[in-house]
N, C-alpha and C. Protein backbone atom coordinates (compact mmCIF):
# COMPACT_ATOMS: atom_id res chain seq x y z
N UNK A 1 1.09 -1.32 0.06
CA UNK A 1 0.20 0.24 0.10
C UNK A 1 0.55 1.21 -0.03
N UNK A 2 0.15 2.35 -0.50
CA UNK A 2 1.13 3.68 -0.60
C UNK A 2 0.26 4.74 0.71
N UNK A 3 0.71 5.29 1.24
CA UNK A 3 0.04 6.24 2.21
C UNK A 3 0.63 7.58 1.59
N UNK A 4 -0.51 8.60 1.26
CA UNK A 4 -0.37 9.72 1.11
C UNK A 4 -0.70 10.94 2.15
N UNK A 5 0.08 12.02 2.30
CA UNK A 5 -0.34 13.23 2.95
C UNK A 5 -0.15 14.63 2.53
N UNK A 6 -1.56 15.29 2.37
CA UNK A 6 -1.27 16.39 1.58
C UNK A 6 -1.19 17.57 2.92
N UNK A 7 -0.53 18.55 2.25
CA UNK A 7 -0.31 19.56 3.32
C UNK A 7 -0.15 21.19 2.12
N UNK A 8 -0.08 22.09 2.91
CA UNK A 8 -0.05 23.09 2.20
C UNK A 8 -1.26 24.19 1.72
N UNK A 9 -1.76 23.59 2.25
CA UNK A 9 -3.29 24.39 2.19
C UNK A 9 -3.82 25.66 3.01
N UNK A 10 -4.63 26.50 2.63
CA UNK A 10 -5.03 27.59 3.89
C UNK A 10 -5.81 28.43 3.09
N UNK A 11 -5.66 29.73 3.79
CA UNK A 11 -6.45 30.64 3.47
C UNK A 11 -5.67 31.75 2.79
N UNK A 12 -5.74 32.27 1.28
CA UNK A 12 -5.32 33.19 0.87
C UNK A 12 -6.40 34.02 -0.07
N UNK A 13 -5.80 35.14 -0.62
CA UNK A 13 -6.48 36.61 -0.88
C UNK A 13 -6.72 36.09 -2.64
N UNK A 14 -7.84 36.70 -3.31
CA UNK A 14 -7.64 36.28 -4.76
C UNK A 14 -6.38 36.96 -5.44
N UNK A 15 -5.78 36.20 -6.23
CA UNK A 15 -4.68 36.66 -7.05
C UNK A 15 -3.36 36.10 -6.12
N UNK A 16 -3.55 35.17 -5.10
CA UNK A 16 -2.24 35.29 -4.42
C UNK A 16 -1.80 33.81 -4.91
N UNK A 17 -0.99 32.95 -4.36
CA UNK A 17 -0.44 31.47 -4.68
C UNK A 17 -0.17 30.53 -3.26
N UNK A 18 0.00 29.62 -3.58
CA UNK A 18 -0.14 28.35 -2.90
C UNK A 18 0.63 27.59 -3.45
N UNK A 19 1.48 26.69 -2.38
CA UNK A 19 1.73 25.25 -2.97
C UNK A 19 1.38 24.24 -1.87
N UNK A 20 0.85 23.41 -2.88
CA UNK A 20 0.43 21.95 -1.87
C UNK A 20 1.62 20.93 -2.25
N UNK A 21 1.71 20.18 -1.16
CA UNK A 21 2.59 18.82 -1.25
C UNK A 21 1.86 17.79 -0.99
N UNK A 22 2.15 16.76 -1.77
CA UNK A 22 1.92 15.24 -1.28
C UNK A 22 2.74 14.16 -0.83
N UNK A 23 3.11 14.07 0.04
CA UNK A 23 4.28 13.27 0.80
C UNK A 23 3.81 11.66 0.37
N UNK A 24 4.60 11.05 -0.42
CA UNK A 24 3.91 9.50 -0.37
C UNK A 24 4.87 8.45 0.88
N UNK A 25 4.40 7.51 1.37
CA UNK A 25 5.35 6.52 1.99
C UNK A 25 4.62 5.05 1.37
N UNK A 26 5.48 4.08 2.25
CA UNK A 26 4.94 2.94 1.88
C UNK A 26 5.36 2.36 0.35
N UNK A 27 4.91 1.57 -0.20
CA UNK A 27 5.42 1.09 -1.40
C UNK A 27 5.37 2.04 -2.52
N UNK A 28 6.19 2.64 -2.40
CA UNK A 28 6.63 4.13 -3.35
C UNK A 28 6.95 3.73 -4.31
N UNK A 29 7.96 2.92 -4.34
CA UNK A 29 8.46 2.22 -5.62
C UNK A 29 7.41 1.58 -7.02
N UNK A 30 6.26 1.44 -6.46
CA UNK A 30 5.04 0.91 -7.10
C UNK A 30 4.32 2.14 -7.79
N UNK A 31 4.91 3.61 -7.76
CA UNK A 31 3.80 4.49 -7.96
C UNK A 31 3.99 4.86 -9.42
N UNK A 32 2.99 4.81 -10.31
CA UNK A 32 3.21 4.89 -11.45
C UNK A 32 3.05 6.65 -11.78
N UNK A 33 1.91 7.11 -11.32
CA UNK A 33 1.72 8.68 -11.56
C UNK A 33 1.07 9.30 -10.36
N UNK A 34 1.16 10.67 -10.44
CA UNK A 34 0.36 11.12 -9.00
C UNK A 34 -0.43 12.19 -9.79
N UNK A 35 -2.09 12.13 -9.04
CA UNK A 35 -2.82 13.18 -9.57
C UNK A 35 -3.43 14.07 -8.45
N UNK A 36 -3.89 15.35 -8.80
CA UNK A 36 -4.39 16.48 -7.95
C UNK A 36 -5.95 16.32 -8.28
N UNK A 37 -6.73 16.24 -7.33
CA UNK A 37 -8.16 16.52 -7.53
C UNK A 37 -8.50 17.79 -6.34
N UNK A 38 -9.91 18.36 -6.86
CA UNK A 38 -10.38 19.02 -5.73
C UNK A 38 -12.01 19.09 -5.66
N UNK A 39 -12.52 19.27 -4.77
CA UNK A 39 -13.87 19.12 -4.37
C UNK A 39 -14.17 19.95 -3.65
N UNK A 40 -15.51 21.25 -4.41
CA UNK A 40 -15.87 22.07 -3.78
C UNK A 40 -17.00 21.87 -3.22
N UNK A 41 -17.60 22.75 -2.02
CA UNK A 41 -18.83 22.47 -1.43
C UNK A 41 -19.70 21.99 -2.35
N UNK A 42 -20.54 20.90 -1.99
CA UNK A 42 -21.76 20.59 -2.93
C UNK A 42 -21.61 20.16 -4.46
N UNK A 43 -20.59 19.99 -4.52
CA UNK A 43 -20.00 19.52 -5.96
C UNK A 43 -19.19 18.38 -5.90
N UNK A 44 -18.81 17.99 -6.88
CA UNK A 44 -18.31 16.30 -7.30
C UNK A 44 -16.96 16.53 -7.46
N UNK A 45 -16.31 15.85 -6.91
CA UNK A 45 -14.67 15.54 -7.10
C UNK A 45 -14.41 15.60 -8.46
N UNK A 46 -13.36 16.61 -8.64
CA UNK A 46 -13.00 16.81 -10.44
C UNK A 46 -11.11 16.46 -10.26
N UNK A 47 -10.78 16.50 -11.76
CA UNK A 47 -9.14 16.29 -11.79
C UNK A 47 -8.71 17.62 -11.86
N UNK A 48 -7.51 17.67 -11.70
CA UNK A 48 -6.90 18.94 -11.77
C UNK A 48 -5.56 19.14 -12.67
N UNK A 49 -4.84 17.90 -12.20
CA UNK A 49 -3.43 17.89 -12.60
C UNK A 49 -2.96 16.32 -12.67
N UNK A 50 -2.09 15.94 -13.42
CA UNK A 50 -1.21 14.39 -12.98
C UNK A 50 -0.13 14.65 -13.48
N UNK A 51 1.13 13.84 -13.20
CA UNK A 51 2.21 13.96 -13.49
C UNK A 51 2.45 12.58 -13.79
N UNK A 52 3.61 11.71 -14.73
CA UNK A 52 3.84 10.56 -14.80
C UNK A 52 5.37 10.44 -13.58
N UNK A 53 5.44 9.49 -12.85
CA UNK A 53 6.27 9.36 -11.75
C UNK A 53 8.02 9.50 -12.41
N UNK A 54 7.87 8.76 -13.61
CA UNK A 54 8.95 8.65 -14.14
C UNK A 54 9.66 9.43 -15.15
N UNK A 55 8.68 9.99 -16.18
CA UNK A 55 9.00 10.87 -17.07
C UNK A 55 8.57 12.44 -16.53
N UNK A 56 7.94 12.57 -15.56
CA UNK A 56 7.54 13.81 -15.28
C UNK A 56 6.72 14.83 -16.01
N UNK A 57 6.02 14.11 -17.05
CA UNK A 57 5.19 14.86 -17.87
C UNK A 57 4.01 14.79 -17.28
N UNK A 58 3.66 16.40 -17.43
CA UNK A 58 2.52 16.61 -16.74
C UNK A 58 1.13 16.79 -17.57
N UNK A 59 -0.19 16.70 -17.01
CA UNK A 59 -1.23 16.58 -17.65
C UNK A 59 -1.93 17.67 -16.87
N UNK A 60 -2.94 18.45 -17.57
CA UNK A 60 -3.88 19.56 -16.78
C UNK A 60 -5.24 19.47 -17.01
N UNK A 61 -6.16 19.91 -16.33
CA UNK A 61 -7.44 20.33 -16.49
C UNK A 61 -7.56 21.79 -17.38
N UNK A 62 -8.31 22.13 -17.96
CA UNK A 62 -8.35 23.01 -18.90
C UNK A 62 -8.89 24.39 -17.92
N UNK A 63 -9.25 24.03 -16.81
CA UNK A 63 -9.63 24.93 -15.77
C UNK A 63 -8.35 25.81 -15.19
N UNK A 64 -7.40 24.84 -15.33
CA UNK A 64 -5.97 25.46 -14.04
C UNK A 64 -4.91 25.69 -15.42
N UNK A 65 -5.03 25.24 -16.74
CA UNK A 65 -3.82 25.70 -17.33
C UNK A 65 -3.42 26.66 -17.30
N UNK A 66 -2.41 26.99 -17.33
CA UNK A 66 -1.71 28.23 -17.42
C UNK A 66 -1.22 28.98 -16.04
N UNK A 67 -2.09 28.52 -14.85
CA UNK A 67 -1.91 28.83 -13.42
C UNK A 67 -1.64 28.00 -12.43
N UNK A 68 -1.65 26.61 -12.81
CA UNK A 68 -1.25 25.54 -11.90
C UNK A 68 -0.04 25.00 -12.73
N UNK A 69 0.68 24.31 -11.37
CA UNK A 69 2.05 23.58 -12.11
C UNK A 69 2.28 22.40 -11.23
N UNK A 70 2.34 21.24 -11.58
CA UNK A 70 2.25 20.28 -11.12
C UNK A 70 3.94 19.56 -10.91
N UNK A 71 4.59 18.95 -10.40
CA UNK A 71 5.83 18.59 -10.23
C UNK A 71 6.14 17.33 -9.41
N UNK A 72 6.96 16.99 -9.42
CA UNK A 72 7.53 15.84 -8.21
C UNK A 72 9.03 15.88 -8.12
N UNK A 73 9.16 15.53 -6.87
CA UNK A 73 10.64 15.15 -6.34
C UNK A 73 10.47 13.72 -6.00
N UNK A 74 11.24 12.76 -6.90
CA UNK A 74 11.35 11.49 -6.67
C UNK A 74 12.10 10.88 -5.30
N UNK A 75 13.42 11.48 -4.95
CA UNK A 75 13.83 11.27 -4.04
C UNK A 75 13.38 11.72 -2.65
N UNK A 76 12.34 12.64 -2.95
CA UNK A 76 11.59 12.86 -1.58
C UNK A 76 10.01 11.94 -1.60
N UNK A 77 9.74 11.32 -2.65
CA UNK A 77 8.54 10.74 -2.75
C UNK A 77 7.25 11.88 -2.77
N UNK A 78 7.50 13.04 -3.27
CA UNK A 78 6.71 13.98 -3.12
C UNK A 78 6.11 14.78 -4.32
N UNK A 79 4.82 14.86 -4.36
CA UNK A 79 4.29 15.67 -5.32
C UNK A 79 3.76 17.19 -5.05
N UNK A 80 3.90 18.17 -5.93
CA UNK A 80 3.69 19.30 -5.86
C UNK A 80 2.48 19.91 -6.63
N UNK A 81 2.11 20.83 -5.86
CA UNK A 81 0.97 21.68 -6.93
C UNK A 81 1.02 23.10 -6.51
N UNK A 82 1.81 23.58 -7.76
CA UNK A 82 1.71 25.49 -7.26
C UNK A 82 0.67 25.97 -8.00
N UNK A 83 0.02 26.60 -7.11
CA UNK A 83 -1.23 27.61 -7.54
C UNK A 83 -1.04 28.84 -7.62
N UNK A 84 -1.03 29.30 -8.80
CA UNK A 84 -1.03 30.98 -8.93
C UNK A 84 -2.14 31.83 -9.27
N UNK A 85 -2.29 32.91 -9.27
CA UNK A 85 -3.40 33.75 -9.48
C UNK A 85 -4.68 33.16 -9.30
N UNK A 86 -4.92 32.74 -7.96
CA UNK A 86 -6.01 31.91 -7.29
C UNK A 86 -7.20 32.77 -7.59
N UNK A 87 -8.68 32.37 -7.20
CA UNK A 87 -9.31 32.83 -7.50
C UNK A 87 -10.70 32.28 -6.22
N UNK A 88 -11.51 33.00 -6.07
CA UNK A 88 -12.77 32.31 -4.98
C UNK A 88 -13.09 31.04 -5.64
N UNK A 89 -13.17 30.87 -7.28
CA UNK A 89 -13.47 29.87 -7.52
C UNK A 89 -12.73 28.43 -7.58
N UNK A 90 -11.43 28.78 -6.84
CA UNK A 90 -10.37 27.77 -6.91
C UNK A 90 -10.64 26.99 -5.32
N UNK A 91 -11.59 27.63 -4.55
CA UNK A 91 -11.87 27.34 -3.01
C UNK A 91 -12.37 25.59 -3.23
N UNK A 92 -11.91 25.10 -2.51
CA UNK A 92 -12.18 23.31 -2.53
C UNK A 92 -11.37 22.77 -1.45
N UNK A 93 -11.35 21.55 -1.14
CA UNK A 93 -10.70 20.54 -0.61
C UNK A 93 -9.48 20.01 -1.83
N UNK A 94 -8.57 19.67 -1.76
CA UNK A 94 -7.60 19.20 -2.60
C UNK A 94 -7.10 18.24 -2.16
N UNK A 95 -7.14 17.00 -2.83
CA UNK A 95 -6.87 15.48 -2.81
C UNK A 95 -5.90 15.30 -3.52
N UNK A 96 -4.85 14.49 -3.55
CA UNK A 96 -3.90 13.88 -4.53
C UNK A 96 -4.03 12.28 -4.29
N UNK A 97 -3.72 11.60 -5.04
CA UNK A 97 -3.89 10.35 -5.39
C UNK A 97 -2.81 9.72 -6.41
N UNK A 98 -2.82 8.45 -6.21
CA UNK A 98 -1.88 7.61 -6.85
C UNK A 98 -2.54 6.94 -7.82
N UNK A 99 -1.96 7.42 -9.64
CA UNK A 99 -2.49 6.83 -10.36
C UNK A 99 -1.97 5.51 -10.88
N UNK A 100 -2.76 4.58 -11.62
CA UNK A 100 -2.23 3.23 -11.79
C UNK A 100 -1.94 3.60 -13.84
N UNK A 101 -1.22 2.69 -14.12
CA UNK A 101 -0.86 2.57 -15.68
C UNK A 101 -2.38 2.72 -16.39
N UNK A 102 -3.50 2.40 -15.69
CA UNK A 102 -4.69 2.28 -16.68
C UNK A 102 -5.22 3.62 -16.65
N UNK A 103 -4.68 4.53 -15.63
CA UNK A 103 -5.41 5.62 -15.36
C UNK A 103 -6.04 5.66 -14.62
N UNK A 104 -6.68 4.76 -14.00
CA UNK A 104 -7.31 5.08 -12.67
C UNK A 104 -6.38 5.28 -11.70
N UNK A 105 -7.51 5.76 -10.44
CA UNK A 105 -6.34 6.28 -9.34
C UNK A 105 -6.80 5.33 -8.17
N UNK A 106 -5.95 5.26 -7.10
CA UNK A 106 -5.96 3.66 -6.15
C UNK A 106 -6.29 4.54 -4.63
N UNK A 107 -4.97 5.22 -4.49
CA UNK A 107 -4.57 5.52 -3.21
C UNK A 107 -4.67 7.16 -2.91
N UNK A 108 -5.56 7.59 -1.94
CA UNK A 108 -5.81 8.56 -1.85
C UNK A 108 -5.59 9.25 -0.56
N UNK A 109 -5.28 10.61 -0.32
CA UNK A 109 -4.69 11.51 0.80
C UNK A 109 -6.07 11.82 1.36
N UNK A 110 -5.91 12.49 2.55
CA UNK A 110 -7.11 12.86 3.54
C UNK A 110 -7.69 14.25 2.81
N UNK A 111 -6.84 15.13 1.99
CA UNK A 111 -7.16 16.07 1.58
C UNK A 111 -6.53 17.53 2.34
N UNK A 112 -6.61 18.73 1.69
CA UNK A 112 -6.13 19.79 2.51
C UNK A 112 -7.16 20.96 1.73
N UNK A 113 -7.69 21.67 2.56
CA UNK A 113 -8.30 22.78 2.29
C UNK A 113 -7.85 23.96 1.89
N UNK A 114 -8.12 24.55 0.63
CA UNK A 114 -7.72 25.53 -0.22
C UNK A 114 -8.95 26.48 0.26
N UNK A 115 -8.97 27.90 0.72
CA UNK A 115 -9.94 28.53 0.65
C UNK A 115 -9.10 30.17 0.12
N UNK A 116 -9.77 30.36 -0.92
CA UNK A 116 -9.59 31.81 -1.51
C UNK A 116 -10.25 32.75 -1.37
N UNK A 117 -10.42 33.93 -0.54
CA UNK A 117 -11.14 35.36 -0.47
C UNK A 117 -11.03 36.02 -1.61
N UNK A 118 -12.26 36.78 -1.85
CA UNK A 118 -12.24 37.60 -2.46
C UNK A 118 -11.92 39.05 -2.10
């Protein structure tokens, strides 16, 4: 199994930035990729970004392209999500999850709250 722990959430003003971290432990050698998702109040959880653990190739949802950057540090078994130009619409609980080669996601973190004030 893989355990994931997100951190870095908080309260920020519109236009500000935050960097989220997702630290993996356990069977980290089995990680194929890592994804970030978010869930706003009353809405479904949606995909934000993903990164291939070996190649570092990223993939983004259209809603965050140009504002968010996903990266990873293999030595630290940690994925990051740099979020810039935040707006109140970005307010949500952000989750990271390990990606399977098939494209699905299996292990999830507990989530970290991001609140953007106007």
